[in-house]
Amino acid sequence: MVLDAVGARRSYSRVTAAVPTHEDLLPLVAAAARVADHGALRPWRLIELRGDARRRLGGALVAASGLAGADALRLAEKPLRAELLIAVVASRRDNAKVADWEQDAAAAGVGHALSLLLADAGWGVMWRTGPLTRTRQVHDLHRLTESEELLGWLYVGGVPEDAKPGVRQAIDPAEFLSVL
């Protein structure tokens, strides 16, 4: 049930080396593509980063940061926290009826839907961003066009056996849902 899958969603800051294959991802991406998308523009794309691509991302992060020494080494290792990173890209289309923010929302919706689908399939997922996400070096590494923006990466891997249950403070939905 969708309500259960969404209600059980949590981020895994630590994952194991097990990852879905490219072929495993294809049906999940097809399902995620069903998010609301005004004009059916599909203003998004996803990029898998595996193996050395994660090291190159670490190098781009360091270059963008200007850090050196131990701080640079720590930053370079961040993309190595998972064997699979999936870059979520807003790929805006020139359209007079659909504003950029709507296109970005569709791209973010695909990223979130994909994270839910991955979790439902048994994978650990965490969406990561940060101040270096939209730097020129990171943009160029992902081979983005001028009409594209990186929204972040889904870090994907196996759920560790010793993972603690996700803790999220319950909300009072009446505080967030009003009526006109």
C-alpha atoms as a PDB file:
ATOM      1  CA  MET A   1       0.000   0.000   0.000  1.00  0.00           C
ATOM      2  CA  VAL A   2       1.319   3.449  -0.905  1.00  0.00           C
ATOM      3  CA  LEU A   3       0.389   4.968   2.466  1.00  0.00           C
ATOM      4  CA  ASP A   4       2.528   2.370   4.258  1.00  0.00           C
ATOM      5  CA  ALA A   5       5.493   2.854   1.892  1.00  0.00           C
ATOM      6  CA  VAL A   6       5.434   6.624   2.309  1.00  0.00           C
ATOM      7  CA  GLY A   7       4.855   6.361   6.066  1.00  0.00           C
ATOM      8  CA  ALA A   8       7.854   4.041   6.443  1.00  0.00           C
ATOM      9  CA  ARG A   9      10.215   6.205   4.375  1.00  0.00           C
ATOM     10  CA  ARG A  10      13.486   7.066   6.016  1.00  0.00           C
ATOM     11  CA  SER A  11      16.954   8.141   5.013  1.00  0.00           C
ATOM     12  CA  TYR A  12      19.924   5.816   5.436  1.00  0.00           C
ATOM     13  CA  SER A  13      23.091   7.812   5.985  1.00  0.00           C
ATOM     14  CA  ARG A  14      25.037   4.554   5.851  1.00  0.00           C
ATOM     15  CA  VAL A  15      24.421   1.798   3.299  1.00  0.00           C
ATOM     16  CA  THR A  16      26.150  -1.440   2.341  1.00  0.00           C
ATOM     17  CA  ALA A  17      27.960  -2.098  -0.942  1.00  0.00           C
ATOM     18  CA  ALA A  18      25.012  -4.014  -2.429  1.00  0.00           C
ATOM     19  CA  VAL A  19      23.300  -1.977  -5.157  1.00  0.00           C
ATOM     20  CA  PRO A  20      20.607  -2.435  -7.787  1.00  0.00           C
ATOM     21  CA  THR A  21      21.777  -2.998 -11.346  1.00  0.00           C
ATOM     22  CA  HIS A  22      21.016  -0.662 -14.207  1.00  0.00           C
ATOM     23  CA  GLU A  23      18.368  -3.148 -15.315  1.00  0.00           C
ATOM     24  CA  ASP A  24      16.846  -3.181 -11.808  1.00  0.00           C
ATOM     25  CA  LEU A  25      16.504   0.603 -11.970  1.00  0.00           C
ATOM     26  CA  LEU A  26      14.684   0.769 -15.314  1.00  0.00           C
ATOM     27  CA  PRO A  27      11.183  -0.244 -14.115  1.00  0.00           C
ATOM     28  CA  LEU A  28      11.543   2.004 -11.064  1.00  0.00           C
ATOM     29  CA  VAL A  29      12.442   4.965 -13.277  1.00  0.00           C
ATOM     30  CA  ALA A  30       9.470   4.164 -15.533  1.00  0.00           C
ATOM     31  CA  ALA A  31       7.161   4.230 -12.509  1.00  0.00           C
ATOM     32  CA  ALA A  32       8.736   7.418 -11.104  1.00  0.00           C
ATOM     33  CA  ALA A  33       8.074   9.107 -14.455  1.00  0.00           C
ATOM     34  CA  ARG A  34       4.366   9.078 -13.582  1.00  0.00           C
ATOM     35  CA  VAL A  35       4.697  12.109 -11.276  1.00  0.00           C
ATOM     36  CA  ALA A  36       2.654  15.218 -12.012  1.00  0.00           C
ATOM     37  CA  ASP A  37       4.206  16.897 -15.033  1.00  0.00           C
ATOM     38  CA  HIS A  38       2.349  19.903 -16.469  1.00  0.00           C
ATOM     39  CA  GLY A  39       2.585  19.718 -20.242  1.00  0.00           C
ATOM     40  CA  ALA A  40       4.115  16.219 -20.118  1.00  0.00           C
ATOM     41  CA  LEU A  41       7.494  17.839 -20.761  1.00  0.00           C
ATOM     42  CA  ARG A  42       9.514  15.282 -18.791  1.00  0.00           C
ATOM     43  CA  PRO A  43      11.852  18.079 -17.641  1.00  0.00           C
ATOM     44  CA  TRP A  44      14.238  15.804 -15.831  1.00  0.00           C
ATOM     45  CA  ARG A  45      16.851  13.163 -16.241  1.00  0.00           C
ATOM     46  CA  LEU A  46      18.796  10.836 -14.002  1.00  0.00           C
ATOM     47  CA  ILE A  47      22.488   9.953 -14.149  1.00  0.00           C
ATOM     48  CA  GLU A  48      24.008   6.845 -12.552  1.00  0.00           C
ATOM     49  CA  LEU A  49      27.412   7.345 -10.925  1.00  0.00           C
ATOM     50  CA  ARG A  50      29.246   4.127 -10.150  1.00  0.00           C
ATOM     51  CA  GLY A  51      32.901   3.200  -9.738  1.00  0.00           C
ATOM     52  CA  ASP A  52      35.385   5.849 -10.843  1.00  0.00           C
ATOM     53  CA  ALA A  53      32.621   8.358 -11.620  1.00  0.00           C
ATOM     54  CA  ARG A  54      32.190   8.766  -7.846  1.00  0.00           C
ATOM     55  CA  ARG A  55      35.905   9.528  -7.475  1.00  0.00           C
ATOM     56  CA  ARG A  56      35.699  12.105 -10.258  1.00  0.00           C
ATOM     57  CA  LEU A  57      32.751  13.674  -8.448  1.00  0.00           C
ATOM     58  CA  GLY A  58      34.876  13.864  -5.301  1.00  0.00           C
ATOM     59  CA  GLY A  59      37.560  15.654  -7.316  1.00  0.00           C
ATOM     60  CA  ALA A  60      35.018  18.112  -8.706  1.00  0.00           C
ATOM     61  CA  LEU A  61      33.705  18.823  -5.208  1.00  0.00           C
ATOM     62  CA  VAL A  62      37.233  19.507  -3.971  1.00  0.00           C
ATOM     63  CA  ALA A  63      38.003  21.750  -6.954  1.00  0.00           C
ATOM     64  CA  ALA A  64      34.792  23.715  -6.370  1.00  0.00           C
ATOM     65  CA  SER A  65      35.416  24.036  -2.650  1.00  0.00           C
ATOM     66  CA  GLY A  66      38.974  25.329  -2.770  1.00  0.00           C
ATOM     67  CA  LEU A  67      39.817  23.087   0.190  1.00  0.00           C
ATOM     68  CA  ALA A  68      43.231  21.472   0.632  1.00  0.00           C
ATOM     69  CA  GLY A  69      44.864  18.905   2.873  1.00  0.00           C
ATOM     70  CA  ALA A  70      42.818  16.732   5.212  1.00  0.00           C
ATOM     71  CA  ASP A  71      39.633  18.733   4.584  1.00  0.00           C
ATOM     72  CA  ALA A  72      39.941  18.125   0.843  1.00  0.00           C
ATOM     73  CA  LEU A  73      40.521  14.405   1.403  1.00  0.00           C
ATOM     74  CA  ARG A  74      37.390  14.136   3.569  1.00  0.00           C
ATOM     75  CA  LEU A  75      35.321  15.970   0.983  1.00  0.00           C
ATOM     76  CA  ALA A  76      36.663  13.810  -1.862  1.00  0.00           C
ATOM     77  CA  GLU A  77      35.535  10.689  -0.006  1.00  0.00           C
ATOM     78  CA  LYS A  78      31.922  11.786   0.442  1.00  0.00           C
ATOM     79  CA  PRO A  79      30.708  10.348  -2.904  1.00  0.00           C
ATOM     80  CA  LEU A  80      32.256   7.015  -1.877  1.00  0.00           C
ATOM     81  CA  ARG A  81      29.697   6.544   0.920  1.00  0.00           C
ATOM     82  CA  ALA A  82      27.558   4.510  -1.482  1.00  0.00           C
ATOM     83  CA  GLU A  83      28.450   2.354  -4.470  1.00  0.00           C
ATOM     84  CA  LEU A  84      25.634   3.957  -6.479  1.00  0.00           C
ATOM     85  CA  LEU A  85      24.723   7.612  -6.703  1.00  0.00           C
ATOM     86  CA  ILE A  86      21.852   8.732  -8.891  1.00  0.00           C
ATOM     87  CA  ALA A  87      22.038  12.383  -9.894  1.00  0.00           C
ATOM     88  CA  VAL A  88      18.612  14.029 -10.117  1.00  0.00           C
ATOM     89  CA  VAL A  89      18.685  16.696 -12.803  1.00  0.00           C
ATOM     90  CA  ALA A  90      16.090  19.341 -13.639  1.00  0.00           C
ATOM     91  CA  SER A  91      16.278  19.492 -17.418  1.00  0.00           C
ATOM     92  CA  ARG A  92      14.178  22.511 -18.267  1.00  0.00           C
ATOM     93  CA  ARG A  93      12.371  22.764 -21.581  1.00  0.00           C
ATOM     94  CA  ASP A  94      11.614  26.046 -23.286  1.00  0.00           C
ATOM     95  CA  ASN A  95       7.853  26.334 -22.802  1.00  0.00           C
ATOM     96  CA  ALA A  96       5.732  29.485 -22.530  1.00  0.00           C
ATOM     97  CA  LYS A  97       3.008  27.706 -20.529  1.00  0.00           C
ATOM     98  CA  VAL A  98       5.139  25.800 -18.009  1.00  0.00           C
ATOM     99  CA  ALA A  99       7.342  27.905 -15.727  1.00  0.00           C
ATOM    100  CA  ASP A 100      10.800  26.760 -14.690  1.00  0.00           C
ATOM    101  CA  TRP A 101       9.664  26.238 -11.087  1.00  0.00           C
ATOM    102  CA  GLU A 102       6.972  23.801 -12.271  1.00  0.00           C
ATOM    103  CA  GLN A 103       9.555  21.896 -14.267  1.00  0.00           C
ATOM    104  CA  ASP A 104      11.906  21.809 -11.262  1.00  0.00           C
ATOM    105  CA  ALA A 105       9.022  20.527  -9.132  1.00  0.00           C
ATOM    106  CA  ALA A 106       8.422  17.684 -11.602  1.00  0.00           C
ATOM    107  CA  ALA A 107      12.116  16.769 -11.498  1.00  0.00           C
ATOM    108  CA  ALA A 108      12.123  16.824  -7.690  1.00  0.00           C
ATOM    109  CA  GLY A 109       8.974  14.703  -7.742  1.00  0.00           C
ATOM    110  CA  VAL A 110      10.731  12.095  -9.871  1.00  0.00           C
ATOM    111  CA  GLY A 111      13.660  12.052  -7.441  1.00  0.00           C
ATOM    112  CA  HIS A 112      11.371  11.624  -4.450  1.00  0.00           C
ATOM    113  CA  ALA A 113       9.225   8.997  -6.157  1.00  0.00           C
ATOM    114  CA  LEU A 114      12.346   7.077  -7.155  1.00  0.00           C
ATOM    115  CA  SER A 115      13.606   7.194  -3.563  1.00  0.00           C
ATOM    116  CA  LEU A 116      10.278   5.748  -2.363  1.00  0.00           C
ATOM    117  CA  LEU A 117      10.353   3.044  -5.031  1.00  0.00           C
ATOM    118  CA  LEU A 118      13.931   2.106  -4.160  1.00  0.00           C
ATOM    119  CA  ALA A 119      13.038   1.933  -0.463  1.00  0.00           C
ATOM    120  CA  ASP A 120       9.983  -0.183  -1.228  1.00  0.00           C
ATOM    121  CA  ALA A 121      12.260  -2.542  -3.198  1.00  0.00           C
ATOM    122  CA  GLY A 122      14.408  -2.956  -0.075  1.00  0.00           C
ATOM    123  CA  TRP A 123      17.243  -0.511  -0.785  1.00  0.00           C
ATOM    124  CA  GLY A 124      18.634   2.094   1.576  1.00  0.00           C
ATOM    125  CA  VAL A 125      18.451   5.601   0.123  1.00  0.00           C
ATOM    126  CA  MET A 126      19.451   9.099   1.136  1.00  0.00           C
ATOM    127  CA  TRP A 127      19.002  12.245  -0.945  1.00  0.00           C
ATOM    128  CA  ARG A 128      22.070  14.443  -0.511  1.00  0.00           C
ATOM    129  CA  THR A 129      22.680  17.993  -1.673  1.00  0.00           C
ATOM    130  CA  GLY A 130      24.893  20.759  -0.392  1.00  0.00           C
ATOM    131  CA  PRO A 131      26.439  24.104  -1.280  1.00  0.00           C
ATOM    132  CA  LEU A 132      28.661  22.579  -3.983  1.00  0.00           C
ATOM    133  CA  THR A 133      25.804  20.901  -5.868  1.00  0.00           C
ATOM    134  CA  ARG A 134      25.371  23.750  -8.339  1.00  0.00           C
ATOM    135  CA  THR A 135      28.977  24.755  -8.855  1.00  0.00           C
ATOM    136  CA  ARG A 136      30.509  24.940 -12.331  1.00  0.00           C
ATOM    137  CA  GLN A 137      32.902  22.026 -11.651  1.00  0.00           C
ATOM    138  CA  VAL A 138      30.083  19.707 -10.562  1.00  0.00           C
ATOM    139  CA  HIS A 139      27.858  20.934 -13.407  1.00  0.00           C
ATOM    140  CA  ASP A 140      30.582  20.169 -15.947  1.00  0.00           C
ATOM    141  CA  LEU A 141      31.373  16.747 -14.465  1.00  0.00           C
ATOM    142  CA  HIS A 142      27.741  15.708 -14.996  1.00  0.00           C
ATOM    143  CA  ARG A 143      27.851  17.119 -18.545  1.00  0.00           C
ATOM    144  CA  LEU A 144      24.805  19.270 -17.868  1.00  0.00           C
ATOM    145  CA  THR A 145      23.546  21.725 -20.442  1.00  0.00           C
ATOM    146  CA  GLU A 146      22.969  25.390 -19.614  1.00  0.00           C
ATOM    147  CA  SER A 147      19.243  24.665 -19.164  1.00  0.00           C
ATOM    148  CA  GLU A 148      19.908  21.959 -16.574  1.00  0.00           C
ATOM    149  CA  GLU A 149      20.437  22.113 -12.815  1.00  0.00           C
ATOM    150  CA  LEU A 150      21.557  19.355 -10.493  1.00  0.00           C
ATOM    151  CA  LEU A 151      19.074  18.908  -7.638  1.00  0.00           C
ATOM    152  CA  GLY A 152      21.213  16.408  -5.719  1.00  0.00           C
ATOM    153  CA  TRP A 153      22.081  12.736  -5.594  1.00  0.00           C
ATOM    154  CA  LEU A 154      20.308   9.684  -4.298  1.00  0.00           C
ATOM    155  CA  TYR A 155      22.913   7.609  -2.443  1.00  0.00           C
ATOM    156  CA  VAL A 156      21.746   4.009  -2.845  1.00  0.00           C
ATOM    157  CA  GLY A 157      22.882   0.755  -1.258  1.00  0.00           C
ATOM    158  CA  GLY A 158      21.878  -2.145   0.899  1.00  0.00           C
ATOM    159  CA  VAL A 159      20.252  -1.577   4.254  1.00  0.00           C
ATOM    160  CA  PRO A 160      22.778  -2.399   7.004  1.00  0.00           C
ATOM    161  CA  GLU A 161      21.714  -5.252   9.294  1.00  0.00           C
ATOM    162  CA  ASP A 162      22.403  -3.078  12.332  1.00  0.00           C
ATOM    163  CA  ALA A 163      20.378  -0.097  11.036  1.00  0.00           C
ATOM    164  CA  LYS A 164      18.312   1.500  13.747  1.00  0.00           C
ATOM    165  CA  PRO A 165      14.657   2.235  13.035  1.00  0.00           C
ATOM    166  CA  GLY A 166      14.038   5.599  11.470  1.00  0.00           C
ATOM    167  CA  VAL A 167      12.887   8.223  13.919  1.00  0.00           C
ATOM    168  CA  ARG A 168      10.718  11.046  12.738  1.00  0.00           C
ATOM    169  CA  GLN A 169       8.663  13.228  15.010  1.00  0.00           C
ATOM    170  CA  ALA A 170       4.969  12.770  14.267  1.00  0.00           C
ATOM    171  CA  ILE A 171       3.103  15.851  13.144  1.00  0.00           C
ATOM    172  CA  ASP A 172      -0.386  17.058  13.828  1.00  0.00           C
ATOM    173  CA  PRO A 173      -1.666  17.129  10.235  1.00  0.00           C
ATOM    174  CA  ALA A 174      -4.315  19.726  11.180  1.00  0.00           C
ATOM    175  CA  GLU A 175      -1.478  22.220  11.680  1.00  0.00           C
ATOM    176  CA  PHE A 176      -0.463  21.818   8.034  1.00  0.00           C
ATOM    177  CA  LEU A 177      -3.842  21.371   6.322  1.00  0.00           C
ATOM    178  CA  SER A 178      -6.212  24.314   6.266  1.00  0.00           C
ATOM    179  CA  VAL A 179      -9.475  25.057   4.537  1.00  0.00           C
ATOM    180  CA  LEU A 180     -10.490  28.218   2.654  1.00  0.00           C
END
